[in-house]
């Protein structure tokens, strides 16, 4: 029996509103601002998936792909049906390609506008 269940994945970033808007366009859903005392973050309820949350992190330093220094910390795998179409969409939204040269693979790696790595996967 599990001790807990996954409630939300939280991404630290310099601008929670902007990063929530990016992922709302990629995954669907509507960002919702949550204020708890001094902290403000943005929740994104993802249709049929695990919610994401975005928290302001002053001094945030994005991870470096694929270097372990600073560490990657985590990444998101986003399932897609058409890699080329999804790539075009995320690039138009401000993603940056990190590892996309091998077009024979079933995945490609990008950074979101705050620098977090994520993969588009047609797996």
PDB file of N, CA and C in Angstrom:
ATOM      1  N   UNK A   1       0.846  -1.194   0.000  1.00  0.00           N
ATOM      2  CA  UNK A   1       0.000   0.000   0.000  1.00  0.00           C
ATOM      3  C   UNK A   1       0.880   1.241   0.000  1.00  0.00           C
ATOM      4  N   UNK A   2       0.533   2.189  -0.844  1.00  0.00           N
ATOM      5  CA  UNK A   2       1.300   3.435  -0.939  1.00  0.00           C
ATOM      6  C   UNK A   2       1.095   4.284   0.300  1.00  0.00           C
ATOM      7  N   UNK A   3       2.117   5.012   0.663  1.00  0.00           N
ATOM      8  CA  UNK A   3       2.022   5.945   1.778  1.00  0.00           C
ATOM      9  C   UNK A   3       1.414   7.270   1.371  1.00  0.00           C
ATOM     10  N   UNK A   4       1.503   7.576   0.093  1.00  0.00           N
ATOM     11  CA  UNK A   4       0.991   8.861  -0.401  1.00  0.00           C
ATOM     12  C   UNK A   4       0.629   8.707  -1.869  1.00  0.00           C
ATOM     13  N   UNK A   5      -0.040   9.713  -2.403  1.00  0.00           N
ATOM     14  CA  UNK A   5      -0.303   9.755  -3.832  1.00  0.00           C
ATOM     15  C   UNK A   5       0.174  11.101  -4.361  1.00  0.00           C
ATOM     16  N   UNK A   6       0.564  11.104  -5.603  1.00  0.00           N
ATOM     17  CA  UNK A   6       1.077  12.324  -6.213  1.00  0.00           C
ATOM     18  C   UNK A   6      -0.037  13.346  -6.320  1.00  0.00           C
ATOM     19  N   UNK A   7       0.194  14.508  -5.736  1.00  0.00           N
ATOM     20  CA  UNK A   7      -0.812  15.559  -5.779  1.00  0.00           C
ATOM     21  C   UNK A   7      -0.567  16.551  -6.898  1.00  0.00           C
ATOM     22  N   UNK A   8       0.681  17.031  -7.008  1.00  0.00           N
ATOM     23  CA  UNK A   8       1.010  18.042  -8.001  1.00  0.00           C
ATOM     24  C   UNK A   8       2.521  18.021  -8.211  1.00  0.00           C
ATOM     25  N   UNK A   9       2.962  18.340  -9.414  1.00  0.00           N
ATOM     26  CA  UNK A   9       4.377  18.526  -9.712  1.00  0.00           C
ATOM     27  C   UNK A   9       4.618  20.029  -9.723  1.00  0.00           C
ATOM     28  N   UNK A  10       5.585  20.501  -8.922  1.00  0.00           N
ATOM     29  CA  UNK A  10       5.849  21.935  -8.790  1.00  0.00           C
ATOM     30  C   UNK A  10       7.168  22.280  -9.470  1.00  0.00           C
ATOM     31  N   UNK A  11       7.137  23.265 -10.346  1.00  0.00           N
ATOM     32  CA  UNK A  11       8.337  23.738 -11.026  1.00  0.00           C
ATOM     33  C   UNK A  11       8.713  25.101 -10.474  1.00  0.00           C
ATOM     34  N   UNK A  12       9.941  25.225  -9.960  1.00  0.00           N
ATOM     35  CA  UNK A  12      10.468  26.531  -9.589  1.00  0.00           C
ATOM     36  C   UNK A  12      10.826  27.276 -10.869  1.00  0.00           C
ATOM     37  N   UNK A  13      10.618  28.595 -10.854  1.00  0.00           N
ATOM     38  CA  UNK A  13      10.888  29.374 -12.058  1.00  0.00           C
ATOM     39  C   UNK A  13      10.919  30.858 -11.704  1.00  0.00           C
ATOM     40  N   UNK A  14      11.431  31.681 -12.609  1.00  0.00           N
ATOM     41  CA  UNK A  14      11.467  33.110 -12.321  1.00  0.00           C
ATOM     42  C   UNK A  14      10.110  33.799 -12.469  1.00  0.00           C
ATOM     43  N   UNK A  15       9.242  33.296 -13.342  1.00  0.00           N
ATOM     44  CA  UNK A  15       7.947  33.934 -13.604  1.00  0.00           C
ATOM     45  C   UNK A  15       6.854  32.867 -13.699  1.00  0.00           C
ATOM     46  N   UNK A  16       6.176  32.565 -12.584  1.00  0.00           N
ATOM     47  CA  UNK A  16       5.167  31.500 -12.582  1.00  0.00           C
ATOM     48  C   UNK A  16       4.031  31.722 -13.571  1.00  0.00           C
ATOM     49  N   UNK A  17       3.617  32.956 -13.762  1.00  0.00           N
ATOM     50  CA  UNK A  17       2.507  33.240 -14.673  1.00  0.00           C
ATOM     51  C   UNK A  17       2.888  32.904 -16.119  1.00  0.00           C
ATOM     52  N   UNK A  18       4.075  33.324 -16.525  1.00  0.00           N
ATOM     53  CA  UNK A  18       4.518  33.076 -17.899  1.00  0.00           C
ATOM     54  C   UNK A  18       4.722  31.586 -18.156  1.00  0.00           C
ATOM     55  N   UNK A  19       5.334  30.870 -17.200  1.00  0.00           N
ATOM     56  CA  UNK A  19       5.585  29.451 -17.424  1.00  0.00           C
ATOM     57  C   UNK A  19       4.282  28.651 -17.391  1.00  0.00           C
ATOM     58  N   UNK A  20       3.343  29.036 -16.538  1.00  0.00           N
ATOM     59  CA  UNK A  20       2.028  28.372 -16.522  1.00  0.00           C
ATOM     60  C   UNK A  20       1.308  28.599 -17.847  1.00  0.00           C
ATOM     61  N   UNK A  21       1.423  29.787 -18.409  1.00  0.00           N
ATOM     62  CA  UNK A  21       0.788  30.071 -19.698  1.00  0.00           C
ATOM     63  C   UNK A  21       1.409  29.211 -20.803  1.00  0.00           C
ATOM     64  N   UNK A  22       2.734  29.031 -20.763  1.00  0.00           N
ATOM     65  CA  UNK A  22       3.406  28.168 -21.740  1.00  0.00           C
ATOM     66  C   UNK A  22       2.846  26.748 -21.667  1.00  0.00           C
ATOM     67  N   UNK A  23       2.809  26.164 -20.464  1.00  0.00           N
ATOM     68  CA  UNK A  23       2.330  24.787 -20.332  1.00  0.00           C
ATOM     69  C   UNK A  23       0.824  24.673 -20.557  1.00  0.00           C
ATOM     70  N   UNK A  24       0.061  25.722 -20.302  1.00  0.00           N
ATOM     71  CA  UNK A  24      -1.372  25.690 -20.617  1.00  0.00           C
ATOM     72  C   UNK A  24      -1.570  25.557 -22.120  1.00  0.00           C
ATOM     73  N   UNK A  25      -0.739  26.223 -22.908  1.00  0.00           N
ATOM     74  CA  UNK A  25      -0.825  26.105 -24.366  1.00  0.00           C
ATOM     75  C   UNK A  25      -0.378  24.726 -24.834  1.00  0.00           C
ATOM     76  N   UNK A  26       0.649  24.167 -24.193  1.00  0.00           N
ATOM     77  CA  UNK A  26       1.174  22.858 -24.593  1.00  0.00           C
ATOM     78  C   UNK A  26       0.236  21.723 -24.181  1.00  0.00           C
ATOM     79  N   UNK A  27      -0.260  21.766 -22.927  1.00  0.00           N
ATOM     80  CA  UNK A  27      -1.018  20.648 -22.357  1.00  0.00           C
ATOM     81  C   UNK A  27      -2.518  20.877 -22.255  1.00  0.00           C
ATOM     82  N   UNK A  28      -2.965  22.099 -22.412  1.00  0.00           N
ATOM     83  CA  UNK A  28      -4.368  22.434 -22.186  1.00  0.00           C
ATOM     84  C   UNK A  28      -4.560  22.839 -20.732  1.00  0.00           C
ATOM     85  N   UNK A  29      -5.751  23.232 -20.403  1.00  0.00           N
ATOM     86  CA  UNK A  29      -6.037  23.660 -19.032  1.00  0.00           C
ATOM     87  C   UNK A  29      -5.986  25.169 -18.901  1.00  0.00           C
ATOM     88  N   UNK A  30      -6.395  25.625 -17.722  1.00  0.00           N
ATOM     89  CA  UNK A  30      -6.428  27.051 -17.426  1.00  0.00           C
ATOM     90  C   UNK A  30      -5.639  27.317 -16.155  1.00  0.00           C
ATOM     91  N   UNK A  31      -4.644  28.190 -16.218  1.00  0.00           N
ATOM     92  CA  UNK A  31      -3.880  28.516 -15.016  1.00  0.00           C
ATOM     93  C   UNK A  31      -4.752  29.230 -13.984  1.00  0.00           C
ATOM     94  N   UNK A  32      -4.492  28.937 -12.712  1.00  0.00           N
ATOM     95  CA  UNK A  32      -5.220  29.557 -11.609  1.00  0.00           C
ATOM     96  C   UNK A  32      -4.206  30.046 -10.584  1.00  0.00           C
ATOM     97  N   UNK A  33      -4.253  31.348 -10.263  1.00  0.00           N
ATOM     98  CA  UNK A  33      -3.327  31.930  -9.291  1.00  0.00           C
ATOM     99  C   UNK A  33      -3.765  31.542  -7.888  1.00  0.00           C
ATOM    100  N   UNK A  34      -2.813  31.085  -7.094  1.00  0.00           N
ATOM    101  CA  UNK A  34      -3.069  30.704  -5.701  1.00  0.00           C
ATOM    102  C   UNK A  34      -2.176  31.563  -4.819  1.00  0.00           C
ATOM    103  N   UNK A  35      -2.772  32.236  -3.846  1.00  0.00           N
ATOM    104  CA  UNK A  35      -2.002  33.044  -2.912  1.00  0.00           C
ATOM    105  C   UNK A  35      -2.140  32.446  -1.529  1.00  0.00           C
ATOM    106  N   UNK A  36      -0.989  32.156  -0.906  1.00  0.00           N
ATOM    107  CA  UNK A  36      -0.953  31.560   0.426  1.00  0.00           C
ATOM    108  C   UNK A  36       0.016  32.375   1.268  1.00  0.00           C
ATOM    109  N   UNK A  37      -0.493  33.354   1.975  1.00  0.00           N
ATOM    110  CA  UNK A  37       0.385  34.217   2.751  1.00  0.00           C
ATOM    111  C   UNK A  37       1.277  35.018   1.834  1.00  0.00           C
ATOM    112  N   UNK A  38       2.595  34.858   2.000  1.00  0.00           N
ATOM    113  CA  UNK A  38       3.554  35.590   1.171  1.00  0.00           C
ATOM    114  C   UNK A  38       3.808  34.917  -0.171  1.00  0.00           C
ATOM    115  N   UNK A  39       3.578  33.610  -0.237  1.00  0.00           N
ATOM    116  CA  UNK A  39       3.897  32.872  -1.450  1.00  0.00           C
ATOM    117  C   UNK A  39       2.767  32.967  -2.461  1.00  0.00           C
ATOM    118  N   UNK A  40       3.146  33.143  -3.714  1.00  0.00           N
ATOM    119  CA  UNK A  40       2.171  33.096  -4.803  1.00  0.00           C
ATOM    120  C   UNK A  40       2.667  32.103  -5.825  1.00  0.00           C
ATOM    121  N   UNK A  41       1.778  31.255  -6.247  1.00  0.00           N
ATOM    122  CA  UNK A  41       2.114  30.361  -7.334  1.00  0.00           C
ATOM    123  C   UNK A  41       0.919  30.176  -8.213  1.00  0.00           C
ATOM    124  N   UNK A  42       1.111  29.468  -9.316  1.00  0.00           N
ATOM    125  CA  UNK A  42       0.044  29.264 -10.274  1.00  0.00           C
ATOM    126  C   UNK A  42      -0.152  27.768 -10.439  1.00  0.00           C
ATOM    127  N   UNK A  43      -1.393  27.319 -10.296  1.00  0.00           N
ATOM    128  CA  UNK A  43      -1.774  25.921 -10.513  1.00  0.00           C
ATOM    129  C   UNK A  43      -2.281  25.766 -11.939  1.00  0.00           C
ATOM    130  N   UNK A  44      -1.972  24.624 -12.541  1.00  0.00           N
ATOM    131  CA  UNK A  44      -2.512  24.289 -13.849  1.00  0.00           C
ATOM    132  C   UNK A  44      -3.109  22.899 -13.763  1.00  0.00           C
ATOM    133  N   UNK A  45      -4.421  22.832 -13.814  1.00  0.00           N
ATOM    134  CA  UNK A  45      -5.121  21.545 -13.845  1.00  0.00           C
ATOM    135  C   UNK A  45      -5.053  21.038 -15.279  1.00  0.00           C
ATOM    136  N   UNK A  46      -4.420  19.901 -15.472  1.00  0.00           N
ATOM    137  CA  UNK A  46      -4.207  19.345 -16.797  1.00  0.00           C
ATOM    138  C   UNK A  46      -5.309  18.332 -17.090  1.00  0.00           C
ATOM    139  N   UNK A  47      -6.071  18.513 -18.161  1.00  0.00           N
ATOM    140  CA  UNK A  47      -7.153  17.582 -18.471  1.00  0.00           C
ATOM    141  C   UNK A  47      -6.640  16.135 -18.561  1.00  0.00           C
ATOM    142  N   UNK A  48      -7.162  15.275 -17.705  1.00  0.00           N
ATOM    143  CA  UNK A  48      -6.807  13.863 -17.727  1.00  0.00           C
ATOM    144  C   UNK A  48      -5.404  13.558 -17.244  1.00  0.00           C
ATOM    145  N   UNK A  49      -4.740  14.492 -16.573  1.00  0.00           N
ATOM    146  CA  UNK A  49      -3.360  14.260 -16.141  1.00  0.00           C
ATOM    147  C   UNK A  49      -3.062  14.837 -14.781  1.00  0.00           C
ATOM    148  N   UNK A  50      -1.832  14.699 -14.375  1.00  0.00           N
ATOM    149  CA  UNK A  50      -1.366  15.223 -13.093  1.00  0.00           C
ATOM    150  C   UNK A  50      -1.236  16.736 -13.188  1.00  0.00           C
ATOM    151  N   UNK A  51      -1.732  17.450 -12.190  1.00  0.00           N
ATOM    152  CA  UNK A  51      -1.609  18.912 -12.235  1.00  0.00           C
ATOM    153  C   UNK A  51      -0.159  19.368 -12.098  1.00  0.00           C
ATOM    154  N   UNK A  52       0.112  20.530 -12.652  1.00  0.00           N
ATOM    155  CA  UNK A  52       1.404  21.191 -12.495  1.00  0.00           C
ATOM    156  C   UNK A  52       1.188  22.466 -11.696  1.00  0.00           C
ATOM    157  N   UNK A  53       2.216  22.863 -10.952  1.00  0.00           N
ATOM    158  CA  UNK A  53       2.184  24.143 -10.250  1.00  0.00           C
ATOM    159  C   UNK A  53       3.507  24.854 -10.519  1.00  0.00           C
ATOM    160  N   UNK A  54       3.480  26.166 -10.464  1.00  0.00           N
ATOM    161  CA  UNK A  54       4.644  26.979 -10.796  1.00  0.00           C
ATOM    162  C   UNK A  54       4.856  27.970  -9.658  1.00  0.00           C
ATOM    163  N   UNK A  55       6.054  27.915  -9.066  1.00  0.00           N
ATOM    164  CA  UNK A  55       6.370  28.709  -7.884  1.00  0.00           C
ATOM    165  C   UNK A  55       7.534  29.634  -8.195  1.00  0.00           C
ATOM    166  N   UNK A  56       7.412  30.901  -7.795  1.00  0.00           N
ATOM    167  CA  UNK A  56       8.500  31.857  -7.992  1.00  0.00           C
ATOM    168  C   UNK A  56       9.704  31.440  -7.164  1.00  0.00           C
ATOM    169  N   UNK A  57      10.870  31.468  -7.791  1.00  0.00           N
ATOM    170  CA  UNK A  57      12.119  31.107  -7.123  1.00  0.00           C
ATOM    171  C   UNK A  57      13.157  32.182  -7.428  1.00  0.00           C
ATOM    172  N   UNK A  58      13.286  33.166  -6.537  1.00  0.00           N
ATOM    173  CA  UNK A  58      14.297  34.205  -6.759  1.00  0.00           C
ATOM    174  C   UNK A  58      15.684  33.567  -6.885  1.00  0.00           C
ATOM    175  N   UNK A  59      16.447  34.021  -7.849  1.00  0.00           N
ATOM    176  CA  UNK A  59      17.777  33.475  -8.055  1.00  0.00           C
ATOM    177  C   UNK A  59      17.783  32.142  -8.783  1.00  0.00           C
ATOM    178  N   UNK A  60      16.656  31.772  -9.390  1.00  0.00           N
ATOM    179  CA  UNK A  60      16.559  30.502 -10.100  1.00  0.00           C
ATOM    180  C   UNK A  60      17.649  30.386 -11.163  1.00  0.00           C
ATOM    181  N   UNK A  61      18.312  29.245 -11.183  1.00  0.00           N
ATOM    182  CA  UNK A  61      19.313  28.938 -12.207  1.00  0.00           C
ATOM    183  C   UNK A  61      18.826  27.696 -12.942  1.00  0.00           C
ATOM    184  N   UNK A  62      18.561  27.802 -14.252  1.00  0.00           N
ATOM    185  CA  UNK A  62      18.039  26.643 -14.963  1.00  0.00           C
ATOM    186  C   UNK A  62      19.083  25.532 -15.057  1.00  0.00           C
ATOM    187  N   UNK A  63      18.617  24.287 -15.121  1.00  0.00           N
ATOM    188  CA  UNK A  63      19.542  23.174 -15.299  1.00  0.00           C
ATOM    189  C   UNK A  63      20.185  23.232 -16.682  1.00  0.00           C
ATOM    190  N   UNK A  64      21.276  22.515 -16.834  1.00  0.00           N
ATOM    191  CA  UNK A  64      21.999  22.471 -18.097  1.00  0.00           C
ATOM    192  C   UNK A  64      21.846  21.097 -18.710  1.00  0.00           C
ATOM    193  N   UNK A  65      21.494  21.041 -19.975  1.00  0.00           N
ATOM    194  CA  UNK A  65      21.316  19.756 -20.653  1.00  0.00           C
ATOM    195  C   UNK A  65      22.517  19.508 -21.533  1.00  0.00           C
ATOM    196  N   UNK A  66      23.105  18.352 -21.536  1.00  0.00           N
ATOM    197  CA  UNK A  66      22.909  17.197 -20.658  1.00  0.00           C
ATOM    198  C   UNK A  66      23.882  17.174 -19.494  1.00  0.00           C
ATOM    199  N   UNK A  67      24.582  18.250 -19.255  1.00  0.00           N
ATOM    200  CA  UNK A  67      25.584  18.294 -18.189  1.00  0.00           C
ATOM    201  C   UNK A  67      24.964  18.083 -16.810  1.00  0.00           C
ATOM    202  N   UNK A  68      25.623  17.323 -15.943  1.00  0.00           N
ATOM    203  CA  UNK A  68      25.107  17.125 -14.588  1.00  0.00           C
ATOM    204  C   UNK A  68      25.422  18.294 -13.653  1.00  0.00           C
ATOM    205  N   UNK A  69      26.070  19.348 -14.156  1.00  0.00           N
ATOM    206  CA  UNK A  69      26.476  20.440 -13.276  1.00  0.00           C
ATOM    207  C   UNK A  69      26.002  21.771 -13.836  1.00  0.00           C
ATOM    208  N   UNK A  70      24.992  22.469 -13.364  1.00  0.00           N
ATOM    209  CA  UNK A  70      24.133  22.018 -12.274  1.00  0.00           C
ATOM    210  C   UNK A  70      23.223  20.879 -12.728  1.00  0.00           C
ATOM    211  N   UNK A  71      22.705  20.153 -11.778  1.00  0.00           N
ATOM    212  CA  UNK A  71      21.946  18.951 -12.101  1.00  0.00           C
ATOM    213  C   UNK A  71      20.672  19.272 -12.868  1.00  0.00           C
ATOM    214  N   UNK A  72      20.220  18.263 -13.607  1.00  0.00           N
ATOM    215  CA  UNK A  72      18.986  18.398 -14.375  1.00  0.00           C
ATOM    216  C   UNK A  72      17.784  18.557 -13.448  1.00  0.00           C
ATOM    217  N   UNK A  73      17.827  17.983 -12.259  1.00  0.00           N
ATOM    218  CA  UNK A  73      16.775  18.036 -11.251  1.00  0.00           C
ATOM    219  C   UNK A  73      15.590  17.145 -11.604  1.00  0.00           C
ATOM    220  N   UNK A  74      14.996  17.312 -12.733  1.00  0.00           N
ATOM    221  CA  UNK A  74      13.892  16.482 -13.209  1.00  0.00           C
ATOM    222  C   UNK A  74      13.598  16.919 -14.637  1.00  0.00           C
ATOM    223  N   UNK A  75      12.766  16.150 -15.333  1.00  0.00           N
ATOM    224  CA  UNK A  75      12.243  16.614 -16.611  1.00  0.00           C
ATOM    225  C   UNK A  75      10.875  15.989 -16.827  1.00  0.00           C
ATOM    226  N   UNK A  76      10.109  16.580 -17.713  1.00  0.00           N
ATOM    227  CA  UNK A  76       8.785  16.088 -18.046  1.00  0.00           C
ATOM    228  C   UNK A  76       8.842  15.346 -19.372  1.00  0.00           C
ATOM    229  N   UNK A  77       8.195  14.183 -19.450  1.00  0.00           N
ATOM    230  CA  UNK A  77       7.980  13.487 -20.713  1.00  0.00           C
ATOM    231  C   UNK A  77       6.543  13.761 -21.139  1.00  0.00           C
ATOM    232  N   UNK A  78       6.370  14.387 -22.295  1.00  0.00           N
ATOM    233  CA  UNK A  78       5.056  14.739 -22.793  1.00  0.00           C
ATOM    234  C   UNK A  78       4.762  13.884 -24.023  1.00  0.00           C
ATOM    235  N   UNK A  79       3.748  13.025 -23.928  1.00  0.00           N
ATOM    236  CA  UNK A  79       3.387  12.124 -25.012  1.00  0.00           C
ATOM    237  C   UNK A  79       2.660  12.889 -26.116  1.00  0.00           C
ATOM    238  N   UNK A  80       3.081  12.657 -27.368  1.00  0.00           N
ATOM    239  CA  UNK A  80       2.470  13.304 -28.532  1.00  0.00           C
ATOM    240  C   UNK A  80       2.248  12.271 -29.627  1.00  0.00           C
ATOM    241  N   UNK A  81       1.343  12.563 -30.535  1.00  0.00           N
ATOM    242  CA  UNK A  81       1.106  11.673 -31.673  1.00  0.00           C
ATOM    243  C   UNK A  81       2.012  12.019 -32.843  1.00  0.00           C
ATOM    244  N   UNK A  82       2.316  13.295 -33.039  1.00  0.00           N
ATOM    245  CA  UNK A  82       3.101  13.747 -34.188  1.00  0.00           C
ATOM    246  C   UNK A  82       4.240  14.633 -33.675  1.00  0.00           C
ATOM    247  N   UNK A  83       5.455  14.083 -33.666  1.00  0.00           N
ATOM    248  CA  UNK A  83       6.606  14.834 -33.153  1.00  0.00           C
ATOM    249  C   UNK A  83       6.835  16.139 -33.899  1.00  0.00           C
ATOM    250  N   UNK A  84       6.734  16.109 -35.233  1.00  0.00           N
ATOM    251  CA  UNK A  84       7.004  17.317 -36.004  1.00  0.00           C
ATOM    252  C   UNK A  84       5.999  18.422 -35.698  1.00  0.00           C
ATOM    253  N   UNK A  85       4.728  18.065 -35.624  1.00  0.00           N
ATOM    254  CA  UNK A  85       3.694  19.062 -35.327  1.00  0.00           C
ATOM    255  C   UNK A  85       3.853  19.604 -33.902  1.00  0.00           C
ATOM    256  N   UNK A  86       4.134  18.717 -32.957  1.00  0.00           N
ATOM    257  CA  UNK A  86       4.305  19.156 -31.564  1.00  0.00           C
ATOM    258  C   UNK A  86       5.543  20.042 -31.435  1.00  0.00           C
ATOM    259  N   UNK A  87       6.613  19.666 -32.130  1.00  0.00           N
ATOM    260  CA  UNK A  87       7.823  20.482 -32.098  1.00  0.00           C
ATOM    261  C   UNK A  87       7.537  21.892 -32.613  1.00  0.00           C
ATOM    262  N   UNK A  88       6.864  21.985 -33.731  1.00  0.00           N
ATOM    263  CA  UNK A  88       6.524  23.295 -34.297  1.00  0.00           C
ATOM    264  C   UNK A  88       5.742  24.127 -33.280  1.00  0.00           C
ATOM    265  N   UNK A  89       4.797  23.484 -32.590  1.00  0.00           N
ATOM    266  CA  UNK A  89       3.983  24.187 -31.607  1.00  0.00           C
ATOM    267  C   UNK A  89       4.777  24.677 -30.407  1.00  0.00           C
ATOM    268  N   UNK A  90       5.635  23.815 -29.824  1.00  0.00           N
ATOM    269  CA  UNK A  90       6.371  24.247 -28.627  1.00  0.00           C
ATOM    270  C   UNK A  90       7.422  25.299 -28.966  1.00  0.00           C
ATOM    271  N   UNK A  91       8.023  25.206 -30.150  1.00  0.00           N
ATOM    272  CA  UNK A  91       8.989  26.228 -30.554  1.00  0.00           C
ATOM    273  C   UNK A  91       8.301  27.580 -30.732  1.00  0.00           C
ATOM    274  N   UNK A  92       7.100  27.572 -31.296  1.00  0.00           N
ATOM    275  CA  UNK A  92       6.342  28.821 -31.464  1.00  0.00           C
ATOM    276  C   UNK A  92       5.970  29.436 -30.124  1.00  0.00           C
ATOM    277  N   UNK A  93       5.847  28.591 -29.090  1.00  0.00           N
ATOM    278  CA  UNK A  93       5.503  29.074 -27.747  1.00  0.00           C
ATOM    279  C   UNK A  93       6.726  29.526 -26.948  1.00  0.00           C
ATOM    280  N   UNK A  94       7.922  29.332 -27.483  1.00  0.00           N
ATOM    281  CA  UNK A  94       9.118  29.814 -26.801  1.00  0.00           C
ATOM    282  C   UNK A  94      10.051  28.738 -26.281  1.00  0.00           C
ATOM    283  N   UNK A  95       9.782  27.467 -26.568  1.00  0.00           N
ATOM    284  CA  UNK A  95      10.706  26.402 -26.164  1.00  0.00           C
ATOM    285  C   UNK A  95      11.982  26.507 -26.996  1.00  0.00           C
ATOM    286  N   UNK A  96      13.069  25.979 -26.429  1.00  0.00           N
ATOM    287  CA  UNK A  96      14.350  25.957 -27.141  1.00  0.00           C
ATOM    288  C   UNK A  96      14.788  24.504 -27.324  1.00  0.00           C
ATOM    289  N   UNK A  97      15.247  24.131 -28.522  1.00  0.00           N
ATOM    290  CA  UNK A  97      15.703  22.760 -28.748  1.00  0.00           C
ATOM    291  C   UNK A  97      17.006  22.492 -27.985  1.00  0.00           C
ATOM    292  N   UNK A  98      17.098  21.338 -27.325  1.00  0.00           N
ATOM    293  CA  UNK A  98      18.315  20.927 -26.638  1.00  0.00           C
ATOM    294  C   UNK A  98      18.966  19.726 -27.313  1.00  0.00           C
ATOM    295  N   UNK A  99      18.155  18.756 -27.711  1.00  0.00           N
ATOM    296  CA  UNK A  99      18.669  17.535 -28.327  1.00  0.00           C
ATOM    297  C   UNK A  99      17.610  17.036 -29.296  1.00  0.00           C
ATOM    298  N   UNK A 100      17.637  17.588 -30.501  1.00  0.00           N
ATOM    299  CA  UNK A 100      16.581  17.296 -31.483  1.00  0.00           C
ATOM    300  C   UNK A 100      17.133  16.855 -32.836  1.00  0.00           C
ATOM    301  N   UNK A 101      18.455  16.701 -32.938  1.00  0.00           N
ATOM    302  CA  UNK A 101      19.064  16.440 -34.236  1.00  0.00           C
ATOM    303  C   UNK A 101      18.726  15.060 -34.796  1.00  0.00           C
ATOM    304  N   UNK A 102      18.671  14.034 -33.959  1.00  0.00           N
ATOM    305  CA  UNK A 102      18.425  12.668 -34.425  1.00  0.00           C
ATOM    306  C   UNK A 102      16.929  12.484 -34.659  1.00  0.00           C
ATOM    307  N   UNK A 103      16.512  12.637 -35.899  1.00  0.00           N
ATOM    308  CA  UNK A 103      15.089  12.586 -36.245  1.00  0.00           C
ATOM    309  C   UNK A 103      14.568  11.157 -36.336  1.00  0.00           C
ATOM    310  N   UNK A 104      15.422  10.144 -36.137  1.00  0.00           N
ATOM    311  CA  UNK A 104      14.962   8.749 -36.159  1.00  0.00           C
ATOM    312  C   UNK A 104      14.476   8.284 -34.792  1.00  0.00           C
ATOM    313  N   UNK A 105      14.809   9.028 -33.740  1.00  0.00           N
ATOM    314  CA  UNK A 105      14.389   8.646 -32.381  1.00  0.00           C
ATOM    315  C   UNK A 105      12.915   8.953 -32.171  1.00  0.00           C
ATOM    316  N   UNK A 106      12.357   8.347 -31.141  1.00  0.00           N
ATOM    317  CA  UNK A 106      10.951   8.566 -30.801  1.00  0.00           C
ATOM    318  C   UNK A 106      10.771   9.694 -29.796  1.00  0.00           C
ATOM    319  N   UNK A 107      11.828  10.435 -29.493  1.00  0.00           N
ATOM    320  CA  UNK A 107      11.720  11.567 -28.567  1.00  0.00           C
ATOM    321  C   UNK A 107      12.677  12.673 -28.987  1.00  0.00           C
ATOM    322  N   UNK A 108      12.360  13.890 -28.528  1.00  0.00           N
ATOM    323  CA  UNK A 108      13.212  15.062 -28.729  1.00  0.00           C
ATOM    324  C   UNK A 108      13.197  15.877 -27.446  1.00  0.00           C
ATOM    325  N   UNK A 109      14.322  16.523 -27.138  1.00  0.00           N
ATOM    326  CA  UNK A 109      14.475  17.232 -25.873  1.00  0.00           C
ATOM    327  C   UNK A 109      14.502  18.740 -26.114  1.00  0.00           C
ATOM    328  N   UNK A 110      13.759  19.463 -25.274  1.00  0.00           N
ATOM    329  CA  UNK A 110      13.640  20.919 -25.367  1.00  0.00           C
ATOM    330  C   UNK A 110      13.786  21.517 -23.970  1.00  0.00           C
ATOM    331  N   UNK A 111      13.925  22.825 -23.915  1.00  0.00           N
ATOM    332  CA  UNK A 111      13.846  23.560 -22.657  1.00  0.00           C
ATOM    333  C   UNK A 111      12.631  24.465 -22.727  1.00  0.00           C
ATOM    334  N   UNK A 112      11.883  24.531 -21.631  1.00  0.00           N
ATOM    335  CA  UNK A 112      10.769  25.474 -21.579  1.00  0.00           C
ATOM    336  C   UNK A 112      11.336  26.882 -21.431  1.00  0.00           C
ATOM    337  N   UNK A 113      10.504  27.925 -21.457  1.00  0.00           N
ATOM    338  CA  UNK A 113      11.031  29.289 -21.383  1.00  0.00           C
ATOM    339  C   UNK A 113      11.835  29.604 -20.122  1.00  0.00           C
ATOM    340  N   UNK A 114      11.654  28.828 -19.037  1.00  0.00           N
ATOM    341  CA  UNK A 114      12.445  29.043 -17.821  1.00  0.00           C
ATOM    342  C   UNK A 114      13.691  28.169 -17.797  1.00  0.00           C
ATOM    343  N   UNK A 115      13.876  27.297 -18.804  1.00  0.00           N
ATOM    344  CA  UNK A 115      15.072  26.476 -18.880  1.00  0.00           C
ATOM    345  C   UNK A 115      14.927  25.042 -18.413  1.00  0.00           C
ATOM    346  N   UNK A 116      13.729  24.621 -17.945  1.00  0.00           N
ATOM    347  CA  UNK A 116      13.522  23.233 -17.540  1.00  0.00           C
ATOM    348  C   UNK A 116      13.498  22.331 -18.771  1.00  0.00           C
ATOM    349  N   UNK A 117      14.255  21.232 -18.758  1.00  0.00           N
ATOM    350  CA  UNK A 117      14.184  20.311 -19.889  1.00  0.00           C
ATOM    351  C   UNK A 117      12.884  19.527 -19.900  1.00  0.00           C
ATOM    352  N   UNK A 118      12.374  19.258 -21.111  1.00  0.00           N
ATOM    353  CA  UNK A 118      11.230  18.358 -21.274  1.00  0.00           C
ATOM    354  C   UNK A 118      11.378  17.636 -22.595  1.00  0.00           C
ATOM    355  N   UNK A 119      10.769  16.471 -22.670  1.00  0.00           N
ATOM    356  CA  UNK A 119      10.835  15.661 -23.886  1.00  0.00           C
ATOM    357  C   UNK A 119       9.461  15.563 -24.515  1.00  0.00           C
ATOM    358  N   UNK A 120       9.420  15.688 -25.827  1.00  0.00           N
ATOM    359  CA  UNK A 120       8.249  15.293 -26.587  1.00  0.00           C
ATOM    360  C   UNK A 120       8.501  13.853 -27.005  1.00  0.00           C
ATOM    361  N   UNK A 121       7.560  12.982 -26.686  1.00  0.00           N
ATOM    362  CA  UNK A 121       7.738  11.540 -26.920  1.00  0.00           C
ATOM    363  C   UNK A 121       6.595  10.980 -27.763  1.00  0.00           C
ATOM    364  N   UNK A 122       6.958  10.320 -28.848  1.00  0.00           N
ATOM    365  CA  UNK A 122       5.994   9.580 -29.657  1.00  0.00           C
ATOM    366  C   UNK A 122       6.308   8.104 -29.431  1.00  0.00           C
ATOM    367  N   UNK A 123       6.155   7.679 -28.210  1.00  0.00           N
ATOM    368  CA  UNK A 123       6.591   6.341 -27.795  1.00  0.00           C
ATOM    369  C   UNK A 123       5.438   5.357 -27.768  1.00  0.00           C
TER     370      UNK A 123
END
